[in-house]
Protein backbone atom coordinates (compact mmCIF):
# COMPACT_ATOMS: atom_id res chain seq x y z
CA MET A 1 0.00 0.00 0.00
CA ARG A 2 1.33 3.43 -0.94
CA VAL A 3 1.17 5.87 1.97
CA ARG A 4 1.19 9.62 1.33
CA TYR A 5 2.94 11.90 3.81
CA ILE A 6 1.26 15.13 4.90
CA THR A 7 3.35 18.06 6.14
CA ARG A 8 0.87 20.94 5.77
CA LEU A 9 -2.32 21.53 7.70
CA SER A 10 -3.90 22.77 4.46
CA ARG A 11 -3.84 19.17 3.21
CA LEU A 12 -5.90 17.86 6.12
CA ALA A 13 -9.46 17.75 4.84
CA GLY A 14 -10.76 17.06 8.34
CA LEU A 15 -9.77 20.52 9.63
CA SER A 16 -11.83 23.64 9.03
CA GLU A 17 -10.21 26.73 7.55
CA ASP A 18 -10.48 28.45 10.94
CA GLU A 19 -8.72 25.53 12.67
CA ARG A 20 -5.91 25.59 10.12
CA ARG A 21 -5.40 29.33 10.55
CA ARG A 22 -5.40 29.06 14.36
CA LEU A 23 -2.98 26.13 14.46
CA GLU A 24 -0.52 27.30 11.81
CA PRO A 25 1.64 29.22 14.34
CA VAL A 26 2.16 25.98 16.28
CA THR A 27 3.61 24.27 13.21
CA GLU A 28 6.02 27.17 12.76
CA ARG A 29 7.60 26.34 16.13
CA TYR A 30 7.09 22.57 16.36
CA ALA A 31 7.13 20.38 13.26
CA PHE A 32 3.95 18.79 11.94
CA ARG A 33 3.83 15.56 9.95
CA MET A 34 1.41 12.68 9.49
CA ASN A 35 0.40 10.29 6.71
CA SER A 36 -2.66 9.12 4.82
CA TYR A 37 -2.83 5.74 6.62
CA TYR A 38 -2.98 7.35 10.05
CA GLU A 39 -5.30 10.09 8.78
CA SER A 40 -7.78 7.35 7.84
CA LEU A 41 -7.90 6.09 11.45
CA ILE A 42 -9.09 9.42 12.87
CA ASP A 43 -12.78 10.15 13.46
CA TRP A 44 -12.77 13.71 12.11
CA ASP A 45 -16.31 14.28 13.37
CA ASP A 46 -15.07 13.88 16.93
CA PRO A 47 -12.95 16.83 18.10
CA ASP A 48 -11.78 14.70 21.05
CA ASP A 49 -10.70 11.70 18.98
CA PRO A 50 -7.54 10.40 20.73
CA LEU A 51 -5.59 9.78 17.53
CA ARG A 52 -6.45 13.26 16.27
CA ARG A 53 -5.11 14.71 19.52
CA LEU A 54 -1.96 12.66 19.14
CA VAL A 55 -0.90 14.18 15.79
CA VAL A 56 -2.89 17.40 15.20
CA PRO A 57 -1.35 20.52 16.80
CA ASP A 58 -2.86 22.09 19.90
CA ALA A 59 -2.74 25.87 20.32
CA SER A 60 -1.68 25.40 23.97
CA GLU A 61 1.64 23.97 22.80
CA LEU A 62 2.81 27.58 22.48
CA ARG A 63 2.41 28.14 26.22
CA PRO A 64 5.83 28.76 27.83
CA TRP A 65 6.64 25.59 29.77
CA GLY A 66 9.38 23.01 30.11
CA GLN A 67 12.63 22.66 28.21
CA LEU A 68 13.60 20.96 24.97
CA ASP A 69 16.03 18.49 26.59
CA ALA A 70 14.05 17.74 29.72
CA SER A 71 16.10 14.65 30.62
CA HIS A 72 19.47 16.29 29.93
CA GLU A 73 20.35 13.76 27.25
CA ALA A 74 23.21 15.97 26.10
CA ARG A 75 25.04 15.17 29.35
CA TYR A 76 25.20 11.51 28.38
CA THR A 77 26.43 12.01 24.80
CA PRO A 78 30.13 11.08 24.49
CA VAL A 79 30.06 11.35 20.68
CA ARG A 80 27.45 12.86 18.39
CA GLY A 81 24.48 10.58 17.91
CA CYS A 82 25.41 8.19 20.73
CA GLN A 83 24.15 8.32 24.31
CA HIS A 84 25.48 6.21 27.16
CA LYS A 85 23.47 6.74 30.33
CA TYR A 86 23.19 3.23 31.76
CA ARG A 87 26.25 1.04 32.04
CA ASP A 88 25.09 -1.81 29.81
CA THR A 89 22.96 0.15 27.33
CA ALA A 90 24.00 2.58 24.59
CA LEU A 91 21.64 4.50 22.32
CA LEU A 92 22.16 5.57 18.71
CA LEU A 93 20.14 8.49 17.32
CA VAL A 94 20.22 7.66 13.62
CA ASN A 95 17.82 10.11 11.99
CA GLU A 96 15.60 13.14 12.45
CA VAL A 97 12.27 12.11 10.96
CA CYS A 98 9.27 9.93 11.94
CA GLY A 99 6.28 8.49 10.12
CA ALA A 100 4.25 11.19 11.91
CA TYR A 101 5.06 13.53 14.77
CA CYS A 102 3.47 12.91 18.15
CA ARG A 103 2.54 16.28 19.58
CA TYR A 104 3.88 15.27 23.00
CA CYS A 105 7.27 14.09 21.66
CA PHE A 106 10.09 14.49 24.18
CA ARG A 107 12.71 14.74 21.39
CA LYS A 108 11.00 17.38 19.25
CA ARG A 109 14.31 19.25 19.28
CA LEU A 110 15.48 16.71 16.68
CA PHE A 111 12.99 18.12 14.18
CA MET A 112 14.25 21.71 14.53
CA ASN A 113 16.71 23.32 12.15
CA ASP A 114 19.42 24.00 14.74
CA ASN A 115 19.49 20.42 16.03
CA ASP A 116 22.69 18.39 15.86
CA ASP A 117 21.84 15.53 18.24
CA ALA A 118 21.29 12.78 15.68
CA ALA A 119 23.99 11.44 13.37
CA LEU A 120 23.19 9.96 9.98
CA ASP A 121 26.83 8.85 9.92
CA THR A 122 26.90 6.27 12.72
CA ARG A 123 30.60 5.36 12.50
CA ALA A 124 31.63 7.35 15.58
CA GLY A 125 28.79 5.87 17.62
CA VAL A 126 29.57 2.30 16.56
CA ALA A 127 33.27 2.88 17.30
CA TYR A 128 32.35 4.07 20.79
CA ILE A 129 30.24 0.96 21.39
CA ARG A 130 33.02 -1.25 20.05
CA ALA A 131 35.41 0.29 22.58
CA HIS A 132 33.04 -0.28 25.52
CA PRO A 133 32.60 -4.00 26.19
CA GLU A 134 30.25 -3.30 29.12
CA VAL A 135 27.59 -2.40 26.52
CA THR A 136 25.42 -5.47 25.94
CA ASN A 137 22.29 -3.64 24.70
CA VAL A 138 22.09 -1.11 21.90
CA LEU A 139 18.95 0.89 21.21
CA ILE A 140 18.62 2.30 17.70
CA THR A 141 16.24 5.24 17.72
CA GLY A 142 15.81 8.80 16.50
CA GLY A 143 13.44 9.94 14.91
CA ASP A 144 12.26 6.57 13.73
CA PRO A 145 14.89 4.12 12.41
CA LEU A 146 12.30 2.50 10.11
CA MET A 147 12.27 5.72 8.09
CA LEU A 148 15.77 4.73 6.96
CA SER A 149 16.13 2.54 3.91
CA THR A 150 16.17 -1.15 4.74
CA ARG A 151 19.66 -1.41 3.26
CA ARG A 152 21.10 1.26 5.57
CA LEU A 153 19.33 -0.13 8.62
CA THR A 154 20.50 -3.67 7.84
CA LEU A 155 24.12 -2.58 7.45
CA LEU A 156 24.02 -0.84 10.83
CA VAL A 157 22.24 -3.66 12.65
CA GLU A 158 24.53 -6.33 11.25
CA GLU A 159 27.63 -4.32 12.14
CA LEU A 160 26.40 -4.07 15.73
CA ALA A 161 25.46 -7.76 15.81
CA THR A 162 29.03 -8.76 14.93
CA LEU A 163 30.36 -7.11 18.11
CA PRO A 164 30.77 -10.02 20.55
CA HIS A 165 29.62 -8.05 23.61
CA VAL A 166 26.40 -6.75 21.97
CA ARG A 167 23.75 -9.35 22.72
CA ILE A 168 20.54 -7.34 22.24
CA ILE A 169 19.73 -4.80 19.55
CA ARG A 170 16.56 -2.80 20.02
CA ILE A 171 14.82 -0.73 17.36
CA GLY A 172 12.56 1.93 18.83
CA THR A 173 9.72 2.54 16.39
CA LYS A 174 6.18 3.80 16.02
CA MET A 175 5.94 2.75 12.39
CA THR A 176 3.92 -0.34 13.30
CA ALA A 177 1.28 2.15 14.47
CA PHE A 178 1.88 5.03 12.06
CA ASN A 179 2.43 2.94 8.91
CA PRO A 180 2.54 -0.84 9.41
CA HIS A 181 2.75 -1.32 5.63
CA ARG A 182 6.37 -0.15 5.88
CA VAL A 183 7.13 -3.42 7.67
CA ARG A 184 4.51 -5.78 6.29
CA ASP A 185 5.36 -5.10 2.65
CA ASP A 186 9.17 -5.31 2.99
CA PRO A 187 10.53 -8.90 2.94
CA ASP A 188 14.11 -7.65 3.37
CA LEU A 189 13.16 -5.91 6.60
CA LEU A 190 11.37 -9.02 7.83
CA ALA A 191 14.55 -11.00 7.14
CA LEU A 192 16.54 -8.84 9.56
CA PRO A 193 15.74 -10.71 12.83
CA ALA A 194 17.15 -13.96 11.43
CA ARG A 195 20.32 -12.19 10.29
CA VAL A 196 20.81 -10.81 13.80
CA ARG A 197 20.22 -14.19 15.43
CA ALA A 198 22.77 -15.76 13.09
CA HIS A 199 25.38 -13.66 14.92
CA GLY A 200 24.17 -14.85 18.31
CA ALA A 201 22.28 -11.66 19.15
CA GLN A 202 18.59 -10.90 19.56
CA LEU A 203 16.50 -8.22 17.84
CA TYR A 204 13.77 -6.45 19.82
CA LEU A 205 11.16 -4.18 18.24
CA MET A 206 10.26 -1.57 20.85
CA ASN A 207 6.85 -0.58 19.53
CA HIS A 208 4.89 2.52 20.44
CA PHE A 209 1.13 2.07 20.47
CA ASP A 210 -0.54 4.79 22.54
CA HIS A 211 -4.19 3.82 22.16
CA PRO A 212 -6.11 0.64 21.26
CA ASN A 213 -7.52 2.35 18.14
CA GLU A 214 -4.01 2.06 16.66
CA LEU A 215 -4.16 -1.74 16.89
CA THR A 216 -5.74 -2.22 13.48
CA ASP A 217 -5.90 -5.54 11.67
CA VAL A 218 -2.89 -4.64 9.54
CA ALA A 219 -0.92 -3.54 12.61
CA LYS A 220 -1.65 -6.84 14.34
CA GLU A 221 -0.74 -8.76 11.19
CA THR A 222 2.55 -6.86 11.02
CA LEU A 223 3.44 -7.72 14.61
CA GLY A 224 2.70 -11.37 13.87
CA LEU A 225 5.01 -11.31 10.86
CA LEU A 226 7.79 -9.81 12.96
CA GLN A 227 7.33 -12.46 15.63
CA ARG A 228 7.36 -15.29 13.10
CA ALA A 229 10.52 -13.76 11.60
CA GLY A 230 12.23 -14.13 15.00
CA ALA A 231 11.91 -10.63 16.49
CA GLN A 232 10.86 -10.03 20.07
CA THR A 233 8.08 -7.42 20.27
CA VAL A 234 7.16 -5.22 23.23
CA ASN A 235 5.35 -1.91 23.63
CA GLN A 236 6.03 1.28 25.53
CA CYS A 237 4.29 4.64 25.58
CA PRO A 238 3.73 7.68 27.77
CA LEU A 239 0.58 8.60 29.63
CA VAL A 240 -0.92 11.46 27.61
CA ARG A 241 -3.79 13.73 28.57
CA GLY A 242 -6.62 13.34 26.08
CA VAL A 243 -5.05 10.30 24.39
CA ASN A 244 -4.83 7.41 26.86
CA ASP A 245 -5.58 8.91 30.29
CA ASP A 246 -8.76 6.81 30.48
CA PRO A 247 -8.21 3.66 32.61
CA ALA A 248 -10.62 1.67 30.43
CA ALA A 249 -8.66 2.56 27.30
CA LEU A 250 -5.37 1.58 28.93
CA THR A 251 -6.86 -1.71 30.10
CA ARG A 252 -7.95 -2.46 26.53
CA LEU A 253 -4.52 -1.52 25.19
CA PHE A 254 -2.52 -3.62 27.68
CA ARG A 255 -4.88 -6.59 27.38
CA GLU A 256 -4.89 -6.63 23.58
CA LEU A 257 -1.12 -6.22 23.43
CA SER A 258 -0.72 -9.27 25.66
CA TYR A 259 -3.03 -11.27 23.39
CA ILE A 260 -0.94 -10.52 20.31
CA GLY A 261 2.47 -11.14 21.88
CA CYS A 262 3.56 -7.54 22.29
CA PRO A 263 3.26 -6.88 26.04
CA GLN A 264 3.53 -3.44 27.56
CA TYR A 265 7.07 -2.69 28.80
CA TYR A 266 6.82 0.80 30.31
CA LEU A 267 4.10 3.37 30.78
CA PHE A 268 5.96 6.64 31.11
CA GLN A 269 5.12 9.75 33.06
CA GLY A 270 5.32 12.54 30.45
CA ARG A 271 8.58 14.47 30.47
CA PRO A 272 8.44 18.24 31.09
CA THR A 273 9.37 19.03 27.50
CA ALA A 274 8.80 22.44 25.93
CA GLY A 275 5.42 22.55 24.21
CA ASN A 276 4.03 19.58 26.13
CA ALA A 277 2.00 21.38 28.82
CA PRO A 278 -1.42 20.40 27.34
CA PHE A 279 -0.50 16.70 27.36
CA GLU A 280 0.90 16.35 30.88
CA LEU A 281 -0.73 14.83 33.97
CA PRO A 282 0.29 15.07 37.62
CA ILE A 283 2.12 12.05 39.03
CA VAL A 284 -0.63 11.30 41.57
CA ALA A 285 -3.35 11.33 38.92
CA GLY A 286 -1.18 9.29 36.56
CA TYR A 287 -0.54 6.59 39.14
CA ALA A 288 -4.27 6.36 39.93
CA ILE A 289 -5.02 5.82 36.22
CA PHE A 290 -2.26 3.22 35.89
CA ASP A 291 -3.38 1.39 39.03
CA GLU A 292 -7.02 1.26 37.97
CA ALA A 293 -6.10 0.20 34.43
CA THR A 294 -3.91 -2.71 35.52
CA ARG A 295 -6.05 -4.13 38.33
CA PRO A 296 -8.34 -6.26 36.09
CA LEU A 297 -5.47 -7.62 33.98
CA SER A 298 -3.81 -11.01 34.04
CA GLY A 299 -0.20 -11.22 35.18
CA LEU A 300 1.12 -11.31 31.63
CA ALA A 301 -0.78 -8.13 30.75
CA LYS A 302 0.19 -6.17 33.85
CA ARG A 303 3.98 -6.42 33.71
CA ALA A 304 4.34 -2.78 32.70
CA ARG A 305 6.12 -0.39 35.05
CA PHE A 306 4.93 3.19 35.54
CA ALA A 307 8.12 5.21 35.39
CA MET A 308 9.65 8.58 34.65
CA SER A 309 12.88 8.91 32.69
CA HIS A 310 14.57 11.47 34.92
CA HIS A 311 18.06 12.70 34.14
CA THR A 312 19.41 10.75 37.13
CA GLY A 313 17.75 7.49 36.09
CA LYS A 314 14.53 5.65 35.38
CA ILE A 315 12.34 6.05 38.47
CA GLU A 316 9.52 3.58 38.99
CA ILE A 317 6.42 4.95 40.72
CA LEU A 318 5.35 2.16 43.05
CA SER A 319 2.46 3.48 45.10
CA VAL A 320 0.69 6.57 46.42
CA ASP A 321 -1.13 6.97 49.73
CA SER A 322 -2.69 9.90 51.55
CA ARG A 323 0.70 11.26 52.63
CA PHE A 324 3.45 10.03 50.36
CA ILE A 325 4.51 8.98 46.85
CA TYR A 326 6.68 5.83 46.93
CA MET A 327 9.25 5.28 44.18
CA LYS A 328 12.55 3.53 43.48
CA TYR A 329 15.36 3.71 40.95
CA HIS A 330 14.62 1.00 38.38
CA ARG A 331 17.69 2.09 36.39
CA ALA A 332 20.26 4.69 37.40
CA HIS A 333 23.35 6.24 35.91
CA ARG A 334 25.13 5.86 39.24
CA VAL A 335 25.14 2.11 39.84
CA ARG A 336 24.89 2.45 43.61
CA ASP A 337 21.49 4.15 43.18
CA ILE A 338 19.86 1.20 41.39
CA GLY A 339 17.00 -0.16 43.50
CA GLN A 340 17.24 2.67 46.01
CA PRO A 341 13.87 3.87 47.37
CA LEU A 342 12.59 7.43 47.10
CA ILE A 343 9.74 8.79 49.20
CA ALA A 344 8.16 12.16 48.47
CA ARG A 345 5.36 14.07 50.11
CA ARG A 346 2.12 13.68 48.19
CA ASP A 347 1.64 16.64 45.86
CA GLU A 348 -1.48 16.72 43.70
CA GLU A 349 0.08 19.11 41.18
CA ALA A 350 3.65 17.82 40.78
CA ARG A 351 4.36 16.36 37.35
CA TRP A 352 8.06 15.51 37.73
CA LEU A 353 10.57 14.53 40.38
CA ASP A 354 12.04 18.03 40.45
CA GLU A 355 8.72 19.40 41.73
CA LEU A 356 8.46 16.97 44.65
CA GLU A 357 9.60 17.35 48.23
CA LEU A 358 11.64 14.23 48.97
CA VAL A 359 11.79 12.87 52.50
CA ALA A 360 14.04 9.92 51.60
CA GLY A 361 16.22 9.03 48.66
CA PRO A 362 19.76 9.07 47.22
CA PRO A 363 21.63 12.42 47.17
CA ALA A 364 21.33 12.72 43.37
CA ALA A 365 17.54 12.58 43.51
CA ALA A 366 17.40 14.92 46.50
CA ALA A 367 19.50 17.48 44.66
CA ALA A 368 17.27 17.24 41.60
CA ALA A 369 14.10 17.61 43.65
CA LYS A 370 15.43 20.84 45.14
CA GLY A 371 15.82 22.28 41.64
CA PHE A 372 19.61 21.90 41.72
CA THR A 373 21.30 21.44 38.35
CA PRO A 374 24.07 18.87 38.82
CA ARG A 375 27.58 19.79 37.78
CA SER A 376 28.68 18.17 34.56
CA ASP A 377 31.62 16.55 36.36
CA TRP A 378 29.47 14.27 38.52
CA MET A 379 27.67 12.45 35.74
CA PRO A 380 29.78 12.27 32.60
CA ALA A 381 29.25 9.16 30.51
CA PRO A 382 30.36 6.69 31.64
CA THR A 383 31.47 6.76 35.29
CA TRP A 384 29.91 3.59 36.75
CA ASP A 385 31.33 4.55 40.17
CA GLY A 386 34.74 3.16 39.24
CA LEU A 387 33.46 -0.27 38.25
CA LYS A 388 35.30 -2.24 35.60
CA PRO A 389 33.35 -3.88 32.73
CA SER A 390 33.92 -7.29 34.33
CA ASP A 391 32.36 -6.29 37.65
CA PRO A 392 28.85 -7.59 38.43
CA VAL A 393 26.09 -4.99 38.24
CA CYS A 394 22.31 -4.91 38.41
CA SER A 395 20.69 -4.34 35.04
């Protein structure tokens, strides 16, 4: 199926002329892009359609709020296009385009003219990974790696798979939701998992379905083809106001994903990224939605963790009571922080760790919660607290 890309609001028949005129200033600051497949999934008669909200600009995006690099990814970038935040995992930003642009994207800086975070030339990033044998997992992301040609993606993946210490290669993608035909209709792409496994590594497709309406028949068929080709498939997404902040919708999403072999991996608290104010939810409200959504699920469908990707690490939100918010470091840049508990006073408005009052937790988290910006010398990539690659570490 041929999918047509749409980069101008004037080409969206579902918008009125007044809506186009009102939303045009948003597209001048934050890029707009979608495609004809995804356009066909939207109920244009419903102004609150969740998929419409996901890709059509919102005038409130222009409200001053947040920062473009809310998780300080630049601090963990030893060479252009390569991030190394967690000891065993490196990330390659390989392009600056997606099949469509989620309005709540936390990397929207990649789609701006003055961005230099991603690297189409991945040689420096691969060389860095080759020189760091502690890296067992590599995440290829962007942008969306499946917007690359299959030939370029295959060359990169196979080069990584030949490194003896790289055992898992992940491809972060929303193309199975935005344009599943990109995968379904490409036999060379479907041959990639077997080529990776031939080198003794495993390929994971980190999918990004935000709402059950994205799980169309062709999307489900595509996931099945990937699984039969040897890929592992999981899903992760953020909690987004107006898209999936309905517990019933999340229950449907998690349940259906478990049925089709693509279980939910993380549900993320939205990052405080510039332009994202209309999509954010407070932590307390988000946990209540997550808790209600997962209660009726089977064990296989409720494995997801509710977490925020803070600049100090991935913080799992465990529980909320009348006085406190209970959390722990699921991943952390500083190895000694992994698994450490954090307790904050309950705050109905706080949307991020930095807005909370901590009563217990590691010094790094306490500093962040007080609004302190850490010095660059305490978390360069990598430090690993002096550990050698051969030392045991939680992962």
